[in-house]
Amino acid sequence: MEKEFEIKGCVSVPKEVSHDLFYDKFIEFIESNNWSFGGGINEIIDGYYINPDGTKGKHVLDDDDLNPDI
């Protein structure tokens, strides 16, 4: 029987690490252990989600999932 872990958190990296590099390294780690990953990875700069086009999205504290009363 297999089990799963849900990850909720952030990984801090140097500013020069791109989304693609982080993703590649993360998946490399997962696959090197014969594990699998299902989900997504969001880039955050100065507390804001970065949209695929590179623009700032909403602030992490404005996330309805984190603040259900807002």
PDB file of N, CA and C in Angstrom:
ATOM      1  N   MET A   1       0.839  -1.183   0.000  1.00  0.00           N
ATOM      2  CA  MET A   1       0.000   0.000   0.000  1.00  0.00           C
ATOM      3  C   MET A   1       0.883   1.246   0.000  1.00  0.00           C
ATOM      4  N   GLU A   2       0.505   2.216  -0.797  1.00  0.00           N
ATOM      5  CA  GLU A   2       1.224   3.481  -0.846  1.00  0.00           C
ATOM      6  C   GLU A   2       0.500   4.518  -0.008  1.00  0.00           C
ATOM      7  N   LYS A   3       1.197   5.568   0.343  1.00  0.00           N
ATOM      8  CA  LYS A   3       0.574   6.703   1.014  1.00  0.00           C
ATOM      9  C   LYS A   3       1.056   7.976   0.354  1.00  0.00           C
ATOM     10  N   GLU A   4       0.395   9.076   0.672  1.00  0.00           N
ATOM     11  CA  GLU A   4       0.737  10.366   0.083  1.00  0.00           C
ATOM     12  C   GLU A   4       0.985  11.380   1.185  1.00  0.00           C
ATOM     13  N   PHE A   5       1.796  12.386   0.861  1.00  0.00           N
ATOM     14  CA  PHE A   5       2.024  13.533   1.720  1.00  0.00           C
ATOM     15  C   PHE A   5       1.612  14.767   0.946  1.00  0.00           C
ATOM     16  N   GLU A   6       0.813  15.637   1.552  1.00  0.00           N
ATOM     17  CA  GLU A   6       0.483  16.906   0.939  1.00  0.00           C
ATOM     18  C   GLU A   6       1.466  17.937   1.477  1.00  0.00           C
ATOM     19  N   ILE A   7       2.057  18.705   0.586  1.00  0.00           N
ATOM     20  CA  ILE A   7       3.041  19.703   0.966  1.00  0.00           C
ATOM     21  C   ILE A   7       2.394  21.080   0.908  1.00  0.00           C
ATOM     22  N   LYS A   8       2.432  21.797   2.020  1.00  0.00           N
ATOM     23  CA  LYS A   8       1.959  23.181   2.053  1.00  0.00           C
ATOM     24  C   LYS A   8       3.078  24.004   2.667  1.00  0.00           C
ATOM     25  N   GLY A   9       3.741  24.779   1.859  1.00  0.00           N
ATOM     26  CA  GLY A   9       4.852  25.565   2.360  1.00  0.00           C
ATOM     27  C   GLY A   9       5.568  26.264   1.230  1.00  0.00           C
ATOM     28  N   CYS A  10       6.675  26.851   1.544  1.00  0.00           N
ATOM     29  CA  CYS A  10       7.488  27.569   0.569  1.00  0.00           C
ATOM     30  C   CYS A  10       8.935  27.122   0.693  1.00  0.00           C
ATOM     31  N   VAL A  11       9.644  27.177  -0.402  1.00  0.00           N
ATOM     32  CA  VAL A  11      11.074  26.905  -0.428  1.00  0.00           C
ATOM     33  C   VAL A  11      11.754  28.206  -0.835  1.00  0.00           C
ATOM     34  N   SER A  12      12.670  28.685  -0.026  1.00  0.00           N
ATOM     35  CA  SER A  12      13.411  29.909  -0.359  1.00  0.00           C
ATOM     36  C   SER A  12      14.656  29.543  -1.150  1.00  0.00           C
ATOM     37  N   VAL A  13      14.862  30.253  -2.252  1.00  0.00           N
ATOM     38  CA  VAL A  13      16.014  30.019  -3.120  1.00  0.00           C
ATOM     39  C   VAL A  13      16.621  31.369  -3.481  1.00  0.00           C
ATOM     40  N   PRO A  14      17.876  31.379  -3.948  1.00  0.00           N
ATOM     41  CA  PRO A  14      18.470  32.646  -4.406  1.00  0.00           C
ATOM     42  C   PRO A  14      17.672  33.226  -5.576  1.00  0.00           C
ATOM     43  N   LYS A  15      17.691  34.553  -5.705  1.00  0.00           N
ATOM     44  CA  LYS A  15      16.907  35.232  -6.742  1.00  0.00           C
ATOM     45  C   LYS A  15      17.223  34.763  -8.159  1.00  0.00           C
ATOM     46  N   GLU A  16      18.448  34.302  -8.389  1.00  0.00           N
ATOM     47  CA  GLU A  16      18.809  33.894  -9.751  1.00  0.00           C
ATOM     48  C   GLU A  16      18.252  32.532 -10.150  1.00  0.00           C
ATOM     49  N   VAL A  17      17.642  31.800  -9.216  1.00  0.00           N
ATOM     50  CA  VAL A  17      17.055  30.496  -9.533  1.00  0.00           C
ATOM     51  C   VAL A  17      15.697  30.717 -10.197  1.00  0.00           C
ATOM     52  N   SER A  18      15.578  30.257 -11.430  1.00  0.00           N
ATOM     53  CA  SER A  18      14.332  30.436 -12.175  1.00  0.00           C
ATOM     54  C   SER A  18      13.305  29.383 -11.765  1.00  0.00           C
ATOM     55  N   HIS A  19      12.061  29.640 -12.140  1.00  0.00           N
ATOM     56  CA  HIS A  19      10.978  28.687 -11.914  1.00  0.00           C
ATOM     57  C   HIS A  19      11.331  27.344 -12.555  1.00  0.00           C
ATOM     58  N   ASP A  20      11.807  27.387 -13.805  1.00  0.00           N
ATOM     59  CA  ASP A  20      12.140  26.151 -14.523  1.00  0.00           C
ATOM     60  C   ASP A  20      13.260  25.381 -13.847  1.00  0.00           C
ATOM     61  N   LEU A  21      14.306  26.076 -13.384  1.00  0.00           N
ATOM     62  CA  LEU A  21      15.412  25.402 -12.711  1.00  0.00           C
ATOM     63  C   LEU A  21      14.927  24.762 -11.410  1.00  0.00           C
ATOM     64  N   PHE A  22      14.141  25.512 -10.629  1.00  0.00           N
ATOM     65  CA  PHE A  22      13.617  24.946  -9.385  1.00  0.00           C
ATOM     66  C   PHE A  22      12.778  23.709  -9.671  1.00  0.00           C
ATOM     67  N   TYR A  23      11.886  23.808 -10.644  1.00  0.00           N
ATOM     68  CA  TYR A  23      11.017  22.684 -10.989  1.00  0.00           C
ATOM     69  C   TYR A  23      11.851  21.471 -11.408  1.00  0.00           C
ATOM     70  N   ASP A  24      12.837  21.703 -12.273  1.00  0.00           N
ATOM     71  CA  ASP A  24      13.684  20.593 -12.736  1.00  0.00           C
ATOM     72  C   ASP A  24      14.405  19.921 -11.574  1.00  0.00           C
ATOM     73  N   LYS A  25      14.978  20.705 -10.665  1.00  0.00           N
ATOM     74  CA  LYS A  25      15.696  20.149  -9.509  1.00  0.00           C
ATOM     75  C   LYS A  25      14.738  19.407  -8.574  1.00  0.00           C
ATOM     76  N   PHE A  26      13.552  19.968  -8.360  1.00  0.00           N
ATOM     77  CA  PHE A  26      12.560  19.344  -7.491  1.00  0.00           C
ATOM     78  C   PHE A  26      12.123  17.994  -8.058  1.00  0.00           C
ATOM     79  N   ILE A  27      11.784  17.971  -9.339  1.00  0.00           N
ATOM     80  CA  ILE A  27      11.342  16.728  -9.970  1.00  0.00           C
ATOM     81  C   ILE A  27      12.485  15.718 -10.017  1.00  0.00           C
ATOM     82  N   GLU A  28      13.698  16.181 -10.252  1.00  0.00           N
ATOM     83  CA  GLU A  28      14.862  15.293 -10.242  1.00  0.00           C
ATOM     84  C   GLU A  28      14.989  14.602  -8.879  1.00  0.00           C
ATOM     85  N   PHE A  29      14.805  15.356  -7.801  1.00  0.00           N
ATOM     86  CA  PHE A  29      14.853  14.783  -6.455  1.00  0.00           C
ATOM     87  C   PHE A  29      13.747  13.746  -6.256  1.00  0.00           C
ATOM     88  N   ILE A  30      12.534  14.104  -6.652  1.00  0.00           N
ATOM     89  CA  ILE A  30      11.399  13.185  -6.505  1.00  0.00           C
ATOM     90  C   ILE A  30      11.658  11.902  -7.277  1.00  0.00           C
ATOM     91  N   GLU A  31      12.044  12.022  -8.534  1.00  0.00           N
ATOM     92  CA  GLU A  31      12.253  10.846  -9.386  1.00  0.00           C
ATOM     93  C   GLU A  31      13.459  10.019  -8.949  1.00  0.00           C
ATOM     94  N   SER A  32      14.490  10.658  -8.370  1.00  0.00           N
ATOM     95  CA  SER A  32      15.666   9.905  -7.920  1.00  0.00           C
ATOM     96  C   SER A  32      15.322   8.965  -6.766  1.00  0.00           C
ATOM     97  N   ASN A  33      14.198   9.226  -6.109  1.00  0.00           N
ATOM     98  CA  ASN A  33      13.729   8.368  -5.028  1.00  0.00           C
ATOM     99  C   ASN A  33      12.598   7.437  -5.474  1.00  0.00           C
ATOM    100  N   ASN A  34      12.357   7.394  -6.788  1.00  0.00           N
ATOM    101  CA  ASN A  34      11.275   6.577  -7.363  1.00  0.00           C
ATOM    102  C   ASN A  34       9.910   6.951  -6.787  1.00  0.00           C
ATOM    103  N   TRP A  35       9.735   8.252  -6.546  1.00  0.00           N
ATOM    104  CA  TRP A  35       8.459   8.777  -6.083  1.00  0.00           C
ATOM    105  C   TRP A  35       7.781   9.468  -7.263  1.00  0.00           C
ATOM    106  N   SER A  36       6.562   9.928  -7.063  1.00  0.00           N
ATOM    107  CA  SER A  36       5.885  10.709  -8.095  1.00  0.00           C
ATOM    108  C   SER A  36       5.312  11.969  -7.454  1.00  0.00           C
ATOM    109  N   PHE A  37       5.081  12.975  -8.278  1.00  0.00           N
ATOM    110  CA  PHE A  37       4.565  14.252  -7.805  1.00  0.00           C
ATOM    111  C   PHE A  37       3.362  14.626  -8.642  1.00  0.00           C
ATOM    112  N   GLY A  38       2.289  14.974  -7.987  1.00  0.00           N
ATOM    113  CA  GLY A  38       1.103  15.477  -8.668  1.00  0.00           C
ATOM    114  C   GLY A  38       0.743  16.810  -8.046  1.00  0.00           C
ATOM    115  N   GLY A  39       0.646  17.813  -8.839  1.00  0.00           N
ATOM    116  CA  GLY A  39       0.320  19.134  -8.301  1.00  0.00           C
ATOM    117  C   GLY A  39       0.988  20.211  -9.121  1.00  0.00           C
ATOM    118  N   GLY A  40       1.158  21.343  -8.525  1.00  0.00           N
ATOM    119  CA  GLY A  40       1.753  22.465  -9.230  1.00  0.00           C
ATOM    120  C   GLY A  40       2.740  23.191  -8.354  1.00  0.00           C
ATOM    121  N   ILE A  41       3.483  24.067  -8.977  1.00  0.00           N
ATOM    122  CA  ILE A  41       4.460  24.883  -8.274  1.00  0.00           C
ATOM    123  C   ILE A  41       4.232  26.327  -8.705  1.00  0.00           C
ATOM    124  N   ASN A  42       4.052  27.204  -7.729  1.00  0.00           N
ATOM    125  CA  ASN A  42       3.855  28.623  -8.004  1.00  0.00           C
ATOM    126  C   ASN A  42       5.095  29.403  -7.609  1.00  0.00           C
ATOM    127  N   GLU A  43       5.457  30.372  -8.443  1.00  0.00           N
ATOM    128  CA  GLU A  43       6.561  31.270  -8.112  1.00  0.00           C
ATOM    129  C   GLU A  43       6.010  32.449  -7.315  1.00  0.00           C
ATOM    130  N   ILE A  44       6.720  32.823  -6.248  1.00  0.00           N
ATOM    131  CA  ILE A  44       6.325  33.941  -5.394  1.00  0.00           C
ATOM    132  C   ILE A  44       7.514  34.883  -5.254  1.00  0.00           C
ATOM    133  N   ILE A  45       7.295  36.172  -5.528  1.00  0.00           N
ATOM    134  CA  ILE A  45       8.327  37.191  -5.341  1.00  0.00           C
ATOM    135  C   ILE A  45       7.727  38.306  -4.499  1.00  0.00           C
ATOM    136  N   ASP A  46       8.410  38.644  -3.409  1.00  0.00           N
ATOM    137  CA  ASP A  46       7.969  39.705  -2.500  1.00  0.00           C
ATOM    138  C   ASP A  46       6.527  39.511  -2.040  1.00  0.00           C
ATOM    139  N   GLY A  47       6.123  38.260  -1.852  1.00  0.00           N
ATOM    140  CA  GLY A  47       4.791  37.971  -1.341  1.00  0.00           C
ATOM    141  C   GLY A  47       3.696  37.918  -2.392  1.00  0.00           C
ATOM    142  N   TYR A  48       4.051  38.057  -3.680  1.00  0.00           N
ATOM    143  CA  TYR A  48       3.061  38.023  -4.756  1.00  0.00           C
ATOM    144  C   TYR A  48       3.290  36.815  -5.659  1.00  0.00           C
ATOM    145  N   TYR A  49       2.183  36.152  -6.014  1.00  0.00           N
ATOM    146  CA  TYR A  49       2.271  35.088  -7.004  1.00  0.00           C
ATOM    147  C   TYR A  49       2.657  35.712  -8.339  1.00  0.00           C
ATOM    148  N   ILE A  50       3.523  35.033  -9.071  1.00  0.00           N
ATOM    149  CA  ILE A  50       3.933  35.524 -10.384  1.00  0.00           C
ATOM    150  C   ILE A  50       3.145  34.763 -11.442  1.00  0.00           C
ATOM    151  N   ASN A  51       2.461  35.510 -12.301  1.00  0.00           N
ATOM    152  CA  ASN A  51       1.669  34.913 -13.373  1.00  0.00           C
ATOM    153  C   ASN A  51       2.588  34.328 -14.441  1.00  0.00           C
ATOM    154  N   PRO A  52       2.068  33.414 -15.266  1.00  0.00           N
ATOM    155  CA  PRO A  52       2.898  32.813 -16.327  1.00  0.00           C
ATOM    156  C   PRO A  52       3.544  33.836 -17.262  1.00  0.00           C
ATOM    157  N   ASP A  53       2.900  35.006 -17.431  1.00  0.00           N
ATOM    158  CA  ASP A  53       3.484  36.030 -18.311  1.00  0.00           C
ATOM    159  C   ASP A  53       4.508  36.915 -17.601  1.00  0.00           C
ATOM    160  N   GLY A  54       4.804  36.602 -16.317  1.00  0.00           N
ATOM    161  CA  GLY A  54       5.816  37.343 -15.572  1.00  0.00           C
ATOM    162  C   GLY A  54       5.285  38.506 -14.752  1.00  0.00           C
ATOM    163  N   THR A  55       3.994  38.813 -14.870  1.00  0.00           N
ATOM    164  CA  THR A  55       3.415  39.910 -14.103  1.00  0.00           C
ATOM    165  C   THR A  55       3.047  39.435 -12.696  1.00  0.00           C
ATOM    166  N   LYS A  56       2.887  40.414 -11.784  1.00  0.00           N
ATOM    167  CA  LYS A  56       2.481  40.095 -10.421  1.00  0.00           C
ATOM    168  C   LYS A  56       1.006  39.718 -10.389  1.00  0.00           C
ATOM    169  N   GLY A  57       0.720  38.663  -9.639  1.00  0.00           N
ATOM    170  CA  GLY A  57      -0.664  38.280  -9.397  1.00  0.00           C
ATOM    171  C   GLY A  57      -1.082  38.751  -8.024  1.00  0.00           C
ATOM    172  N   LYS A  58      -1.964  37.997  -7.404  1.00  0.00           N
ATOM    173  CA  LYS A  58      -2.444  38.394  -6.079  1.00  0.00           C
ATOM    174  C   LYS A  58      -1.415  38.089  -4.999  1.00  0.00           C
ATOM    175  N   HIS A  59      -1.554  38.764  -3.886  1.00  0.00           N
ATOM    176  CA  HIS A  59      -0.664  38.576  -2.743  1.00  0.00           C
ATOM    177  C   HIS A  59      -1.013  37.256  -2.068  1.00  0.00           C
ATOM    178  N   VAL A  60      -0.017  36.577  -1.542  1.00  0.00           N
ATOM    179  CA  VAL A  60      -0.261  35.271  -0.912  1.00  0.00           C
ATOM    180  C   VAL A  60      -1.250  35.370   0.245  1.00  0.00           C
ATOM    181  N   LEU A  61      -1.282  36.485   0.939  1.00  0.00           N
ATOM    182  CA  LEU A  61      -2.210  36.638   2.055  1.00  0.00           C
ATOM    183  C   LEU A  61      -3.635  36.928   1.595  1.00  0.00           C
ATOM    184  N   ASP A  62      -3.803  37.224   0.306  1.00  0.00           N
ATOM    185  CA  ASP A  62      -5.134  37.443  -0.254  1.00  0.00           C
ATOM    186  C   ASP A  62      -5.757  36.149  -0.770  1.00  0.00           C
ATOM    187  N   ASP A  63      -5.068  35.033  -0.624  1.00  0.00           N
ATOM    188  CA  ASP A  63      -5.551  33.735  -1.101  1.00  0.00           C
ATOM    189  C   ASP A  63      -6.766  33.310  -0.282  1.00  0.00           C
ATOM    190  N   ASP A  64      -7.898  33.129  -0.942  1.00  0.00           N
ATOM    191  CA  ASP A  64      -9.133  32.751  -0.263  1.00  0.00           C
ATOM    192  C   ASP A  64      -9.014  31.437   0.487  1.00  0.00           C
ATOM    193  N   ASP A  65      -8.171  30.512   0.007  1.00  0.00           N
ATOM    194  CA  ASP A  65      -7.982  29.235   0.687  1.00  0.00           C
ATOM    195  C   ASP A  65      -7.306  29.422   2.036  1.00  0.00           C
ATOM    196  N   LEU A  66      -6.449  30.441   2.152  1.00  0.00           N
ATOM    197  CA  LEU A  66      -5.755  30.675   3.395  1.00  0.00           C
ATOM    198  C   LEU A  66      -6.566  31.560   4.343  1.00  0.00           C
ATOM    199  N   ASN A  67      -7.450  32.376   3.785  1.00  0.00           N
ATOM    200  CA  ASN A  67      -8.253  33.310   4.572  1.00  0.00           C
ATOM    201  C   ASN A  67      -9.731  33.145   4.224  1.00  0.00           C
ATOM    202  N   PRO A  68     -10.362  32.059   4.671  1.00  0.00           N
ATOM    203  CA  PRO A  68     -11.746  31.794   4.261  1.00  0.00           C
ATOM    204  C   PRO A  68     -12.751  32.850   4.722  1.00  0.00           C
ATOM    205  N   ASP A  69     -12.404  33.670   5.697  1.00  0.00           N
ATOM    206  CA  ASP A  69     -13.336  34.668   6.211  1.00  0.00           C
ATOM    207  C   ASP A  69     -13.319  35.959   5.406  1.00  0.00           C
ATOM    208  N   ILE A  70     -12.402  36.097   4.462  1.00  0.00           N
ATOM    209  CA  ILE A  70     -12.276  37.347   3.685  1.00  0.00           C
ATOM    210  C   ILE A  70     -13.281  37.330   2.543  1.00  0.00           C
TER     211      ILE A  70
END
